[in-house]
């Protein structure tokens, strides 16, 4: 004979339902992770100076950025003629890194938020 404590419910009996959360206790909801967001863009601007040669500036732009010779030359000439040239647009942390690297070579570069 089966013991009363080990008795399983009959097929027509319902299993007990779990207790509802007590009033005032928060139920933790699972939220879906958000997809990664694009970082806001920042401009890296090269400024003209009277101390560095054009050749040095072009070579430095090529060394520190992914720009090839033709693009580096075009941007250097633009900075020379108009006073400033847009080198590239990237996220803020990388723009700050570019600024520091150019300054270490004696060139003037500023960064600013790009309009979206």
C-alpha atoms as a PDB file:
ATOM      1  CA  UNK A   1       0.000   0.000   0.000  1.00  0.00           C
ATOM      2  CA  UNK A   2       1.209   3.508  -0.829  1.00  0.00           C
ATOM      3  CA  UNK A   3       1.955   5.930   1.943  1.00  0.00           C
ATOM      4  CA  UNK A   4      -0.273   9.050   2.048  1.00  0.00           C
ATOM      5  CA  UNK A   5       2.733  11.405   1.753  1.00  0.00           C
ATOM      6  CA  UNK A   6       3.980   9.819  -1.470  1.00  0.00           C
ATOM      7  CA  UNK A   7       0.580   9.691  -3.079  1.00  0.00           C
ATOM      8  CA  UNK A   8       0.520  11.342  -6.506  1.00  0.00           C
ATOM      9  CA  UNK A   9      -2.541  13.312  -7.597  1.00  0.00           C
ATOM     10  CA  UNK A  10      -5.089  11.418  -9.590  1.00  0.00           C
ATOM     11  CA  UNK A  11      -5.457  12.211 -13.272  1.00  0.00           C
ATOM     12  CA  UNK A  12      -8.565  14.299 -12.751  1.00  0.00           C
ATOM     13  CA  UNK A  13      -7.047  16.321  -9.879  1.00  0.00           C
ATOM     14  CA  UNK A  14      -5.234  19.581 -10.650  1.00  0.00           C
ATOM     15  CA  UNK A  15      -1.694  20.235  -9.501  1.00  0.00           C
ATOM     16  CA  UNK A  16      -1.333  23.139  -7.070  1.00  0.00           C
ATOM     17  CA  UNK A  17      -0.669  26.500  -8.720  1.00  0.00           C
ATOM     18  CA  UNK A  18       2.339  28.602  -7.665  1.00  0.00           C
ATOM     19  CA  UNK A  19       1.604  31.379  -5.232  1.00  0.00           C
ATOM     20  CA  UNK A  20       1.220  34.900  -6.634  1.00  0.00           C
ATOM     21  CA  UNK A  21       3.896  37.410  -5.623  1.00  0.00           C
ATOM     22  CA  UNK A  22       3.151  39.352  -2.474  1.00  0.00           C
ATOM     23  CA  UNK A  23       1.871  42.889  -2.866  1.00  0.00           C
ATOM     24  CA  UNK A  24       4.661  45.444  -2.924  1.00  0.00           C
ATOM     25  CA  UNK A  25       7.321  43.066  -4.238  1.00  0.00           C
ATOM     26  CA  UNK A  26       8.715  43.777  -7.661  1.00  0.00           C
ATOM     27  CA  UNK A  27       8.712  41.092 -10.286  1.00  0.00           C
ATOM     28  CA  UNK A  28      11.961  41.142 -12.237  1.00  0.00           C
ATOM     29  CA  UNK A  29      11.159  41.332 -15.917  1.00  0.00           C
ATOM     30  CA  UNK A  30      13.532  40.060 -18.526  1.00  0.00           C
ATOM     31  CA  UNK A  31      14.464  42.702 -21.032  1.00  0.00           C
ATOM     32  CA  UNK A  32      15.927  42.024 -24.402  1.00  0.00           C
ATOM     33  CA  UNK A  33      19.445  43.363 -24.807  1.00  0.00           C
ATOM     34  CA  UNK A  34      19.543  46.440 -27.016  1.00  0.00           C
ATOM     35  CA  UNK A  35      21.598  46.243 -30.187  1.00  0.00           C
ATOM     36  CA  UNK A  36      24.817  48.265 -30.138  1.00  0.00           C
ATOM     37  CA  UNK A  37      24.315  51.928 -31.024  1.00  0.00           C
ATOM     38  CA  UNK A  38      26.554  53.928 -33.338  1.00  0.00           C
ATOM     39  CA  UNK A  39      28.838  56.331 -31.509  1.00  0.00           C
ATOM     40  CA  UNK A  40      28.365  60.018 -32.317  1.00  0.00           C
ATOM     41  CA  UNK A  41      30.731  61.214 -35.072  1.00  0.00           C
ATOM     42  CA  UNK A  42      33.572  63.697 -34.465  1.00  0.00           C
ATOM     43  CA  UNK A  43      35.571  65.657 -37.042  1.00  0.00           C
ATOM     44  CA  UNK A  44      39.370  65.679 -37.039  1.00  0.00           C
ATOM     45  CA  UNK A  45      40.535  69.012 -38.477  1.00  0.00           C
ATOM     46  CA  UNK A  46      44.066  69.784 -39.687  1.00  0.00           C
ATOM     47  CA  UNK A  47      45.176  73.418 -39.295  1.00  0.00           C
ATOM     48  CA  UNK A  48      47.770  75.242 -41.359  1.00  0.00           C
ATOM     49  CA  UNK A  49      51.044  76.247 -39.725  1.00  0.00           C
ATOM     50  CA  UNK A  50      54.100  78.146 -40.884  1.00  0.00           C
ATOM     51  CA  UNK A  51      56.693  75.891 -39.269  1.00  0.00           C
ATOM     52  CA  UNK A  52      56.291  72.481 -40.947  1.00  0.00           C
ATOM     53  CA  UNK A  53      57.012  71.687 -44.581  1.00  0.00           C
ATOM     54  CA  UNK A  54      54.231  70.445 -46.858  1.00  0.00           C
ATOM     55  CA  UNK A  55      56.150  67.203 -47.397  1.00  0.00           C
ATOM     56  CA  UNK A  56      56.393  66.576 -43.646  1.00  0.00           C
ATOM     57  CA  UNK A  57      52.670  67.239 -43.162  1.00  0.00           C
ATOM     58  CA  UNK A  58      51.688  64.905 -46.026  1.00  0.00           C
ATOM     59  CA  UNK A  59      53.957  62.127 -44.724  1.00  0.00           C
ATOM     60  CA  UNK A  60      52.622  62.559 -41.177  1.00  0.00           C
ATOM     61  CA  UNK A  61      48.992  62.429 -42.354  1.00  0.00           C
ATOM     62  CA  UNK A  62      49.792  59.232 -44.263  1.00  0.00           C
ATOM     63  CA  UNK A  63      51.592  57.751 -41.257  1.00  0.00           C
ATOM     64  CA  UNK A  64      48.877  58.478 -38.686  1.00  0.00           C
ATOM     65  CA  UNK A  65      45.693  58.002 -40.727  1.00  0.00           C
ATOM     66  CA  UNK A  66      44.464  55.503 -43.301  1.00  0.00           C
ATOM     67  CA  UNK A  67      44.685  58.210 -46.007  1.00  0.00           C
ATOM     68  CA  UNK A  68      46.785  57.473 -49.082  1.00  0.00           C
ATOM     69  CA  UNK A  69      49.238  59.935 -50.648  1.00  0.00           C
ATOM     70  CA  UNK A  70      46.775  61.644 -53.005  1.00  0.00           C
ATOM     71  CA  UNK A  71      44.157  62.233 -50.278  1.00  0.00           C
ATOM     72  CA  UNK A  72      46.802  63.323 -47.740  1.00  0.00           C
ATOM     73  CA  UNK A  73      48.210  65.801 -50.273  1.00  0.00           C
ATOM     74  CA  UNK A  74      44.768  67.172 -51.132  1.00  0.00           C
ATOM     75  CA  UNK A  75      43.889  67.747 -47.472  1.00  0.00           C
ATOM     76  CA  UNK A  76      47.283  69.295 -46.705  1.00  0.00           C
ATOM     77  CA  UNK A  77      46.919  71.719 -49.623  1.00  0.00           C
ATOM     78  CA  UNK A  78      43.393  72.599 -48.496  1.00  0.00           C
ATOM     79  CA  UNK A  79      44.653  73.371 -44.979  1.00  0.00           C
ATOM     80  CA  UNK A  80      47.486  75.435 -46.473  1.00  0.00           C
ATOM     81  CA  UNK A  81      45.157  77.505 -48.685  1.00  0.00           C
ATOM     82  CA  UNK A  82      42.091  77.903 -46.444  1.00  0.00           C
ATOM     83  CA  UNK A  83      43.633  77.487 -42.984  1.00  0.00           C
ATOM     84  CA  UNK A  84      41.854  74.245 -42.055  1.00  0.00           C
ATOM     85  CA  UNK A  85      40.953  70.923 -43.655  1.00  0.00           C
ATOM     86  CA  UNK A  86      38.748  67.998 -42.636  1.00  0.00           C
ATOM     87  CA  UNK A  87      40.992  64.942 -42.329  1.00  0.00           C
ATOM     88  CA  UNK A  88      38.417  62.375 -41.292  1.00  0.00           C
ATOM     89  CA  UNK A  89      35.340  61.664 -39.168  1.00  0.00           C
ATOM     90  CA  UNK A  90      35.401  59.064 -36.406  1.00  0.00           C
ATOM     91  CA  UNK A  91      34.157  58.510 -32.863  1.00  0.00           C
ATOM     92  CA  UNK A  92      35.314  60.816 -30.056  1.00  0.00           C
ATOM     93  CA  UNK A  93      37.858  58.520 -28.414  1.00  0.00           C
ATOM     94  CA  UNK A  94      39.682  57.870 -31.682  1.00  0.00           C
ATOM     95  CA  UNK A  95      39.477  61.566 -32.634  1.00  0.00           C
ATOM     96  CA  UNK A  96      41.177  62.438 -29.341  1.00  0.00           C
ATOM     97  CA  UNK A  97      43.876  59.868 -30.087  1.00  0.00           C
ATOM     98  CA  UNK A  98      44.492  61.397 -33.536  1.00  0.00           C
ATOM     99  CA  UNK A  99      44.719  64.857 -31.965  1.00  0.00           C
ATOM    100  CA  UNK A 100      47.331  63.673 -29.461  1.00  0.00           C
ATOM    101  CA  UNK A 101      49.341  61.861 -32.137  1.00  0.00           C
ATOM    102  CA  UNK A 102      49.424  64.873 -34.463  1.00  0.00           C
ATOM    103  CA  UNK A 103      50.401  67.174 -31.609  1.00  0.00           C
ATOM    104  CA  UNK A 104      53.286  64.854 -30.738  1.00  0.00           C
ATOM    105  CA  UNK A 105      54.558  65.428 -34.308  1.00  0.00           C
ATOM    106  CA  UNK A 106      54.258  69.210 -33.967  1.00  0.00           C
ATOM    107  CA  UNK A 107      51.088  69.597 -36.062  1.00  0.00           C
ATOM    108  CA  UNK A 108      47.913  71.387 -35.022  1.00  0.00           C
ATOM    109  CA  UNK A 109      44.749  69.294 -35.125  1.00  0.00           C
ATOM    110  CA  UNK A 110      41.437  70.037 -33.442  1.00  0.00           C
ATOM    111  CA  UNK A 111      38.346  67.912 -32.988  1.00  0.00           C
ATOM    112  CA  UNK A 112      34.684  68.884 -32.910  1.00  0.00           C
ATOM    113  CA  UNK A 113      31.331  67.094 -33.014  1.00  0.00           C
ATOM    114  CA  UNK A 114      30.058  66.430 -36.534  1.00  0.00           C
ATOM    115  CA  UNK A 115      26.508  67.438 -37.352  1.00  0.00           C
ATOM    116  CA  UNK A 116      24.250  64.477 -37.875  1.00  0.00           C
END
